[in-house]
Amino acid sequence: MTLRELYLSHGGKVADKWALYLDVYERVLAPYRNKPVSMVEVGVQNGGSLEIWARYFPEAAAILGCDIDPKCGELRFSDPRISVVVGPANTEETFREITSRVPSFDIFIDDGSHTSRDIVFSFLNYFPRLSSGGLYVVEDLHCAYMPAFGGGIHRPDTSMAFLKALADFVNRPWWERARDPAAHLDPIFGQGHGVDPASFADVLGVSFYDSMCIIEKRPPAATPGLGPRITVGTEAIVEPRVLPGLQAQ
């Protein structure tokens, strides 16, 4: 069954996702489906998504939820792979509890407070724990345009501004001589912020959808950069300089 089919057939604890998310997840998570993945989801509400993830990933090793609502600590699951940590994800105590249960994870979903500050600091805290080749997902990014969540289209320090900066860092070799990479983060964190942009070197790619962002962590065998330029074919009537070893007159 597809993820959408699992959602529509679900009868347990209530789950709540936008339809687009289900389609995007189906595409990006399919390669992980029958692997012993570990995943963390921040923001679990009634716990239904955790039950559905357990069905979608039959070989999953651990499915850990985190929520600030104390009532989430009362949730009980028949699947022993599912557990919940109660507390703000970016406090030291909650971070220690999450990482003690799941030291590294293949999938991390931020569906928490949706405030720009929390989204940015969750990435800084948890992306280093993401396994090589893993996926980091941020949901409900429409909140980055809402003042109530610390957002706004003209603000330079929103979660969207940060994620767009991550896309710049994917292309860092093409601009870093023109601008100090650390200074590129100043509009988001302020001068003297102390955030090391070297920590973004493991970002392979950043994909945006309506209200959703997928960040891919570089697999172990993938080297940074474009790699060698590969030219094939023997006919180059329009632009012969593309042929290896051939110089135009």
C-alpha atoms as a PDB file:
ATOM      1  CA  MET A   1       0.000   0.000   0.000  1.00  0.00           C
ATOM      2  CA  THR A   2       1.091   3.548  -0.685  1.00  0.00           C
ATOM      3  CA  LEU A   3       1.426   6.025   2.143  1.00  0.00           C
ATOM      4  CA  ARG A   4      -1.758   7.757   1.051  1.00  0.00           C
ATOM      5  CA  GLU A   5      -3.587   4.410   1.092  1.00  0.00           C
ATOM      6  CA  LEU A   6      -2.257   3.687   4.567  1.00  0.00           C
ATOM      7  CA  TYR A   7      -3.490   7.061   5.756  1.00  0.00           C
ATOM      8  CA  LEU A   8      -6.929   6.649   4.247  1.00  0.00           C
ATOM      9  CA  SER A   9      -7.307   3.167   5.742  1.00  0.00           C
ATOM     10  CA  HIS A  10      -5.984   4.143   9.178  1.00  0.00           C
ATOM     11  CA  GLY A  11      -8.373   3.650  12.066  1.00  0.00           C
ATOM     12  CA  GLY A  12      -6.197   4.082  15.139  1.00  0.00           C
ATOM     13  CA  LYS A  13      -4.899   7.240  16.743  1.00  0.00           C
ATOM     14  CA  VAL A  14      -5.672  10.401  14.772  1.00  0.00           C
ATOM     15  CA  ALA A  15      -3.090  11.550  12.217  1.00  0.00           C
ATOM     16  CA  ASP A  16      -3.099  14.884  10.392  1.00  0.00           C
ATOM     17  CA  LYS A  17      -1.048  15.596   7.247  1.00  0.00           C
ATOM     18  CA  TRP A  18      -1.671  17.751   4.172  1.00  0.00           C
ATOM     19  CA  ALA A  19      -2.380  15.731   1.026  1.00  0.00           C
ATOM     20  CA  LEU A  20       0.698  17.101  -0.774  1.00  0.00           C
ATOM     21  CA  TYR A  21       2.941  15.836   2.026  1.00  0.00           C
ATOM     22  CA  LEU A  22       1.739  12.275   1.528  1.00  0.00           C
ATOM     23  CA  ASP A  23       2.618  12.387  -2.165  1.00  0.00           C
ATOM     24  CA  VAL A  24       6.044  13.912  -1.547  1.00  0.00           C
ATOM     25  CA  TYR A  25       6.805  11.426   1.211  1.00  0.00           C
ATOM     26  CA  GLU A  26       5.840   8.550  -1.055  1.00  0.00           C
ATOM     27  CA  ARG A  27       8.432   9.660  -3.594  1.00  0.00           C
ATOM     28  CA  VAL A  28      11.306  10.445  -1.258  1.00  0.00           C
ATOM     29  CA  LEU A  29      10.808   7.727   1.354  1.00  0.00           C
ATOM     30  CA  ALA A  30      10.160   4.785  -0.965  1.00  0.00           C
ATOM     31  CA  PRO A  31      13.895   3.850  -1.135  1.00  0.00           C
ATOM     32  CA  TYR A  32      13.938   3.490   2.672  1.00  0.00           C
ATOM     33  CA  ARG A  33      10.716   1.546   2.992  1.00  0.00           C
ATOM     34  CA  ASN A  34      12.036  -1.979   3.532  1.00  0.00           C
ATOM     35  CA  LYS A  35      15.197  -1.021   5.392  1.00  0.00           C
ATOM     36  CA  PRO A  36      15.849  -1.072   9.156  1.00  0.00           C
ATOM     37  CA  VAL A  37      15.530   2.692   9.451  1.00  0.00           C
ATOM     38  CA  SER A  38      15.358   4.785  12.574  1.00  0.00           C
ATOM     39  CA  MET A  39      13.244   7.926  12.458  1.00  0.00           C
ATOM     40  CA  VAL A  40      12.346  10.871  14.673  1.00  0.00           C
ATOM     41  CA  GLU A  41       9.245  13.019  14.308  1.00  0.00           C
ATOM     42  CA  VAL A  42       8.933  16.212  16.334  1.00  0.00           C
ATOM     43  CA  GLY A  43       5.299  17.134  16.861  1.00  0.00           C
ATOM     44  CA  VAL A  44       3.145  14.015  17.182  1.00  0.00           C
ATOM     45  CA  GLN A  45      -0.120  15.372  18.675  1.00  0.00           C
ATOM     46  CA  ASN A  46      -2.414  12.312  18.974  1.00  0.00           C
ATOM     47  CA  GLY A  47       0.251   9.861  17.812  1.00  0.00           C
ATOM     48  CA  GLY A  48      -1.463   8.587  14.680  1.00  0.00           C
ATOM     49  CA  SER A  49       1.411   9.435  12.351  1.00  0.00           C
ATOM     50  CA  LEU A  50       3.740   7.274  14.424  1.00  0.00           C
ATOM     51  CA  GLU A  51       1.414   4.299  13.973  1.00  0.00           C
ATOM     52  CA  ILE A  52       1.254   4.908  10.240  1.00  0.00           C
ATOM     53  CA  TRP A  53       5.030   5.253   9.937  1.00  0.00           C
ATOM     54  CA  ALA A  54       5.357   1.914  11.714  1.00  0.00           C
ATOM     55  CA  ARG A  55       3.148   0.337   9.071  1.00  0.00           C
ATOM     56  CA  TYR A  56       4.901   2.104   6.206  1.00  0.00           C
ATOM     57  CA  PHE A  57       8.332   0.985   7.463  1.00  0.00           C
ATOM     58  CA  PRO A  58       7.794  -2.677   8.408  1.00  0.00           C
ATOM     59  CA  GLU A  59      11.524  -3.206   9.022  1.00  0.00           C
ATOM     60  CA  ALA A  60      12.066  -0.001  10.998  1.00  0.00           C
ATOM     61  CA  ALA A  61      14.323  -0.304  14.039  1.00  0.00           C
ATOM     62  CA  ALA A  62      12.902   2.665  15.953  1.00  0.00           C
ATOM     63  CA  ILE A  63      10.189   5.285  15.500  1.00  0.00           C
ATOM     64  CA  LEU A  64      10.516   8.053  18.064  1.00  0.00           C
ATOM     65  CA  GLY A  65       8.132  10.935  18.542  1.00  0.00           C
ATOM     66  CA  CYS A  66       8.705  14.149  20.481  1.00  0.00           C
ATOM     67  CA  ASP A  67       6.097  16.650  21.671  1.00  0.00           C
ATOM     68  CA  ILE A  68       5.850  19.354  24.314  1.00  0.00           C
ATOM     69  CA  ASP A  69       2.312  18.376  25.356  1.00  0.00           C
ATOM     70  CA  PRO A  70       2.474  16.348  28.612  1.00  0.00           C
ATOM     71  CA  LYS A  71      -0.553  14.348  27.447  1.00  0.00           C
ATOM     72  CA  CYS A  72       1.654  12.770  24.780  1.00  0.00           C
ATOM     73  CA  GLY A  73       3.440  10.991  27.609  1.00  0.00           C
ATOM     74  CA  GLU A  74       0.213   9.059  28.191  1.00  0.00           C
ATOM     75  CA  LEU A  75       0.118   7.667  24.658  1.00  0.00           C
ATOM     76  CA  ARG A  76       0.474   3.899  24.479  1.00  0.00           C
ATOM     77  CA  PHE A  77       1.370   1.890  21.395  1.00  0.00           C
ATOM     78  CA  SER A  78       1.109  -1.803  20.681  1.00  0.00           C
ATOM     79  CA  ASP A  79       4.189  -1.627  18.470  1.00  0.00           C
ATOM     80  CA  PRO A  80       7.312  -1.773  20.704  1.00  0.00           C
ATOM     81  CA  ARG A  81       9.329   0.145  18.117  1.00  0.00           C
ATOM     82  CA  ILE A  82       7.319   3.312  18.839  1.00  0.00           C
ATOM     83  CA  SER A  83       8.130   5.584  21.777  1.00  0.00           C
ATOM     84  CA  VAL A  84       7.562   9.225  22.702  1.00  0.00           C
ATOM     85  CA  VAL A  85       9.714  11.807  24.470  1.00  0.00           C
ATOM     86  CA  VAL A  86       7.924  14.740  26.085  1.00  0.00           C
ATOM     87  CA  GLY A  87       9.672  18.108  26.069  1.00  0.00           C
ATOM     88  CA  PRO A  88      10.928  20.928  23.814  1.00  0.00           C
ATOM     89  CA  ALA A  89      13.213  19.343  21.231  1.00  0.00           C
ATOM     90  CA  ASN A  90      15.927  21.968  21.604  1.00  0.00           C
ATOM     91  CA  THR A  91      16.421  21.832  25.346  1.00  0.00           C
ATOM     92  CA  GLU A  92      19.500  19.960  26.508  1.00  0.00           C
ATOM     93  CA  GLU A  93      17.446  17.499  28.546  1.00  0.00           C
ATOM     94  CA  THR A  94      15.149  16.546  25.663  1.00  0.00           C
ATOM     95  CA  PHE A  95      18.033  16.406  23.195  1.00  0.00           C
ATOM     96  CA  ARG A  96      19.879  13.982  25.492  1.00  0.00           C
ATOM     97  CA  GLU A  97      16.770  11.841  25.897  1.00  0.00           C
ATOM     98  CA  ILE A  98      16.118  11.642  22.147  1.00  0.00           C
ATOM     99  CA  THR A  99      19.718  10.879  21.236  1.00  0.00           C
ATOM    100  CA  SER A 100      20.093   8.341  24.018  1.00  0.00           C
ATOM    101  CA  ARG A 101      17.184   6.354  22.596  1.00  0.00           C
ATOM    102  CA  VAL A 102      18.115   6.911  18.934  1.00  0.00           C
ATOM    103  CA  PRO A 103      21.781   7.995  18.693  1.00  0.00           C
ATOM    104  CA  SER A 104      21.503   8.448  14.930  1.00  0.00           C
ATOM    105  CA  PHE A 105      18.536   8.373  12.605  1.00  0.00           C
ATOM    106  CA  ASP A 106      17.829   8.027   8.904  1.00  0.00           C
ATOM    107  CA  ILE A 107      14.755  10.268   8.780  1.00  0.00           C
ATOM    108  CA  PHE A 108      14.007  13.352  10.855  1.00  0.00           C
ATOM    109  CA  ILE A 109      10.688  15.195  10.513  1.00  0.00           C
ATOM    110  CA  ASP A 110      10.206  18.621  12.085  1.00  0.00           C
ATOM    111  CA  ASP A 111       6.474  19.133  12.545  1.00  0.00           C
ATOM    112  CA  GLY A 112       6.900  20.915  15.863  1.00  0.00           C
ATOM    113  CA  SER A 113       6.198  24.511  16.869  1.00  0.00           C
ATOM    114  CA  HIS A 114       6.636  25.840  13.286  1.00  0.00           C
ATOM    115  CA  THR A 115       8.347  28.950  14.660  1.00  0.00           C
ATOM    116  CA  SER A 116      11.350  30.060  12.647  1.00  0.00           C
ATOM    117  CA  ARG A 117      13.701  30.041  15.619  1.00  0.00           C
ATOM    118  CA  ASP A 118      12.799  26.460  16.612  1.00  0.00           C
ATOM    119  CA  ILE A 119      13.085  25.200  13.030  1.00  0.00           C
ATOM    120  CA  VAL A 120      16.543  26.693  12.583  1.00  0.00           C
ATOM    121  CA  PHE A 121      17.920  25.464  15.889  1.00  0.00           C
ATOM    122  CA  SER A 122      16.397  22.014  15.472  1.00  0.00           C
ATOM    123  CA  PHE A 123      18.317  21.708  12.226  1.00  0.00           C
ATOM    124  CA  LEU A 124      21.551  22.882  13.843  1.00  0.00           C
ATOM    125  CA  ASN A 125      21.087  20.400  16.696  1.00  0.00           C
ATOM    126  CA  TYR A 126      19.792  17.334  14.915  1.00  0.00           C
ATOM    127  CA  PHE A 127      21.145  17.378  11.361  1.00  0.00           C
ATOM    128  CA  PRO A 128      24.616  16.340  12.634  1.00  0.00           C
ATOM    129  CA  ARG A 129      22.953  13.207  14.083  1.00  0.00           C
ATOM    130  CA  LEU A 130      21.296  12.327  10.782  1.00  0.00           C
ATOM    131  CA  SER A 131      22.869   9.280   9.146  1.00  0.00           C
ATOM    132  CA  SER A 132      24.768   9.695   5.885  1.00  0.00           C
ATOM    133  CA  GLY A 133      22.289   9.417   3.047  1.00  0.00           C
ATOM    134  CA  GLY A 134      19.420  10.350   5.367  1.00  0.00           C
ATOM    135  CA  LEU A 135      16.571  12.830   4.939  1.00  0.00           C
ATOM    136  CA  TYR A 136      15.717  15.840   7.078  1.00  0.00           C
ATOM    137  CA  VAL A 137      12.198  17.172   6.542  1.00  0.00           C
ATOM    138  CA  VAL A 138      10.552  20.415   7.655  1.00  0.00           C
ATOM    139  CA  GLU A 139       6.773  20.673   7.441  1.00  0.00           C
ATOM    140  CA  ASP A 140       4.337  23.611   7.487  1.00  0.00           C
ATOM    141  CA  LEU A 141       6.768  26.226   6.230  1.00  0.00           C
ATOM    142  CA  HIS A 142       3.874  28.512   5.328  1.00  0.00           C
ATOM    143  CA  CYS A 143       4.294  29.629   8.937  1.00  0.00           C
ATOM    144  CA  ALA A 144       7.603  31.225   7.888  1.00  0.00           C
ATOM    145  CA  TYR A 145       5.502  33.949   6.265  1.00  0.00           C
ATOM    146  CA  MET A 146       3.319  34.560   9.338  1.00  0.00           C
ATOM    147  CA  PRO A 147       4.364  37.124  11.974  1.00  0.00           C
ATOM    148  CA  ALA A 148       2.823  35.015  14.753  1.00  0.00           C
ATOM    149  CA  PHE A 149       5.474  32.350  14.062  1.00  0.00           C
ATOM    150  CA  GLY A 150       8.392  34.760  13.719  1.00  0.00           C
ATOM    151  CA  GLY A 151       7.930  34.913   9.968  1.00  0.00           C
ATOM    152  CA  GLY A 152       7.364  37.427   7.206  1.00  0.00           C
ATOM    153  CA  ILE A 153       8.195  37.664   3.526  1.00  0.00           C
ATOM    154  CA  HIS A 154      10.565  40.607   4.084  1.00  0.00           C
ATOM    155  CA  ARG A 155      12.280  39.312   7.229  1.00  0.00           C
ATOM    156  CA  PRO A 156      15.878  38.148   6.738  1.00  0.00           C
ATOM    157  CA  ASP A 157      15.917  35.767   9.722  1.00  0.00           C
ATOM    158  CA  THR A 158      13.075  33.348   9.008  1.00  0.00           C
ATOM    159  CA  SER A 159      13.283  29.588   8.671  1.00  0.00           C
ATOM    160  CA  MET A 160      12.786  29.973   4.914  1.00  0.00           C
ATOM    161  CA  ALA A 161      15.695  32.407   4.745  1.00  0.00           C
ATOM    162  CA  PHE A 162      17.835  29.855   6.539  1.00  0.00           C
ATOM    163  CA  LEU A 163      16.782  27.005   4.263  1.00  0.00           C
ATOM    164  CA  LYS A 164      17.441  29.143   1.190  1.00  0.00           C
ATOM    165  CA  ALA A 165      20.902  29.813   2.626  1.00  0.00           C
ATOM    166  CA  LEU A 166      21.409  26.041   2.855  1.00  0.00           C
ATOM    167  CA  ALA A 167      20.720  25.878  -0.878  1.00  0.00           C
ATOM    168  CA  ASP A 168      23.427  28.500  -1.352  1.00  0.00           C
ATOM    169  CA  PHE A 169      25.850  26.378   0.648  1.00  0.00           C
ATOM    170  CA  VAL A 170      25.193  23.429  -1.666  1.00  0.00           C
ATOM    171  CA  ASN A 171      26.699  25.695  -4.344  1.00  0.00           C
ATOM    172  CA  ARG A 172      29.339  27.210  -2.064  1.00  0.00           C
ATOM    173  CA  PRO A 173      32.422  26.750  -4.306  1.00  0.00           C
ATOM    174  CA  TRP A 174      30.905  29.085  -6.900  1.00  0.00           C
ATOM    175  CA  TRP A 175      30.553  32.111  -4.617  1.00  0.00           C
ATOM    176  CA  GLU A 176      32.700  31.764  -1.501  1.00  0.00           C
ATOM    177  CA  ARG A 177      35.551  33.854  -2.951  1.00  0.00           C
ATOM    178  CA  ALA A 178      33.140  36.740  -3.407  1.00  0.00           C
ATOM    179  CA  ARG A 179      31.638  36.503   0.074  1.00  0.00           C
ATOM    180  CA  ASP A 180      32.750  35.159   3.428  1.00  0.00           C
ATOM    181  CA  PRO A 181      30.613  32.045   4.014  1.00  0.00           C
ATOM    182  CA  ALA A 182      30.178  32.881   7.699  1.00  0.00           C
ATOM    183  CA  ALA A 183      29.006  36.406   6.819  1.00  0.00           C
ATOM    184  CA  HIS A 184      26.363  34.866   4.554  1.00  0.00           C
ATOM    185  CA  LEU A 185      24.602  33.813   7.753  1.00  0.00           C
ATOM    186  CA  ASP A 186      24.747  37.240   9.419  1.00  0.00           C
ATOM    187  CA  PRO A 187      21.248  38.342   8.296  1.00  0.00           C
ATOM    188  CA  ILE A 188      19.836  35.228   9.962  1.00  0.00           C
ATOM    189  CA  PHE A 189      21.845  35.032  13.185  1.00  0.00           C
ATOM    190  CA  GLY A 190      23.457  38.458  13.481  1.00  0.00           C
ATOM    191  CA  GLN A 191      27.144  39.317  13.408  1.00  0.00           C
ATOM    192  CA  GLY A 192      29.401  37.235  15.625  1.00  0.00           C
ATOM    193  CA  HIS A 193      26.846  34.415  15.613  1.00  0.00           C
ATOM    194  CA  GLY A 194      29.362  31.587  15.977  1.00  0.00           C
ATOM    195  CA  VAL A 195      27.518  29.217  13.614  1.00  0.00           C
ATOM    196  CA  ASP A 196      30.139  27.279  11.653  1.00  0.00           C
ATOM    197  CA  PRO A 197      29.072  26.971   7.998  1.00  0.00           C
ATOM    198  CA  ALA A 198      31.431  24.009   7.639  1.00  0.00           C
ATOM    199  CA  SER A 199      28.684  21.972   9.291  1.00  0.00           C
ATOM    200  CA  PHE A 200      26.608  22.405   6.115  1.00  0.00           C
ATOM    201  CA  ALA A 201      29.150  20.611   3.919  1.00  0.00           C
ATOM    202  CA  ASP A 202      27.193  17.367   4.274  1.00  0.00           C
ATOM    203  CA  VAL A 203      24.067  18.862   2.678  1.00  0.00           C
ATOM    204  CA  LEU A 204      23.707  17.134  -0.685  1.00  0.00           C
ATOM    205  CA  GLY A 205      20.561  18.896  -1.825  1.00  0.00           C
ATOM    206  CA  VAL A 206      17.629  21.049  -0.730  1.00  0.00           C
ATOM    207  CA  SER A 207      14.180  20.607  -2.296  1.00  0.00           C
ATOM    208  CA  PHE A 208      11.213  22.923  -1.735  1.00  0.00           C
ATOM    209  CA  TYR A 209       7.526  22.151  -2.055  1.00  0.00           C
ATOM    210  CA  ASP A 210       4.517  24.118  -0.888  1.00  0.00           C
ATOM    211  CA  SER A 211       5.108  24.490   2.874  1.00  0.00           C
ATOM    212  CA  MET A 212       7.666  21.666   2.912  1.00  0.00           C
ATOM    213  CA  CYS A 213      11.432  21.284   2.573  1.00  0.00           C
ATOM    214  CA  ILE A 214      13.506  18.122   2.124  1.00  0.00           C
ATOM    215  CA  ILE A 215      17.215  18.257   2.958  1.00  0.00           C
ATOM    216  CA  GLU A 216      19.337  15.316   1.803  1.00  0.00           C
ATOM    217  CA  LYS A 217      22.491  14.372   3.670  1.00  0.00           C
ATOM    218  CA  ARG A 218      25.413  13.332   1.527  1.00  0.00           C
ATOM    219  CA  PRO A 219      25.838   9.522   1.222  1.00  0.00           C
ATOM    220  CA  PRO A 220      29.221   8.115   2.290  1.00  0.00           C
ATOM    221  CA  ALA A 221      30.422   7.496  -1.276  1.00  0.00           C
ATOM    222  CA  ALA A 222      29.340  10.876  -2.675  1.00  0.00           C
ATOM    223  CA  THR A 223      32.123  13.438  -2.998  1.00  0.00           C
ATOM    224  CA  PRO A 224      31.296  17.160  -2.843  1.00  0.00           C
ATOM    225  CA  GLY A 225      31.058  19.167  -6.026  1.00  0.00           C
ATOM    226  CA  LEU A 226      30.077  18.441  -9.610  1.00  0.00           C
ATOM    227  CA  GLY A 227      32.722  15.803 -10.197  1.00  0.00           C
ATOM    228  CA  PRO A 228      34.439  15.482 -13.576  1.00  0.00           C
ATOM    229  CA  ARG A 229      32.769  16.872 -16.660  1.00  0.00           C
ATOM    230  CA  ILE A 230      31.626  13.988 -18.857  1.00  0.00           C
ATOM    231  CA  THR A 231      31.411  14.553 -22.603  1.00  0.00           C
ATOM    232  CA  VAL A 232      30.172  11.847 -24.983  1.00  0.00           C
ATOM    233  CA  GLY A 233      29.613  11.708 -28.709  1.00  0.00           C
ATOM    234  CA  THR A 234      31.883  12.553 -31.681  1.00  0.00           C
ATOM    235  CA  GLU A 235      29.989  15.216 -33.652  1.00  0.00           C
ATOM    236  CA  ALA A 236      30.200  18.851 -32.532  1.00  0.00           C
ATOM    237  CA  ILE A 237      29.332  21.002 -35.533  1.00  0.00           C
ATOM    238  CA  VAL A 238      27.905  23.899 -33.511  1.00  0.00           C
ATOM    239  CA  GLU A 239      30.447  24.057 -30.685  1.00  0.00           C
ATOM    240  CA  PRO A 240      33.534  21.899 -31.303  1.00  0.00           C
ATOM    241  CA  ARG A 241      35.240  23.096 -28.141  1.00  0.00           C
ATOM    242  CA  VAL A 242      33.169  20.628 -26.115  1.00  0.00           C
ATOM    243  CA  LEU A 243      35.116  17.719 -27.654  1.00  0.00           C
ATOM    244  CA  PRO A 244      37.843  16.465 -25.337  1.00  0.00           C
ATOM    245  CA  GLY A 245      41.298  17.604 -26.398  1.00  0.00           C
ATOM    246  CA  LEU A 246      40.019  19.703 -29.329  1.00  0.00           C
ATOM    247  CA  GLN A 247      40.783  23.422 -29.364  1.00  0.00           C
ATOM    248  CA  ALA A 248      38.747  25.774 -31.503  1.00  0.00           C
ATOM    249  CA  GLN A 249      40.586  27.748 -34.173  1.00  0.00           C
END
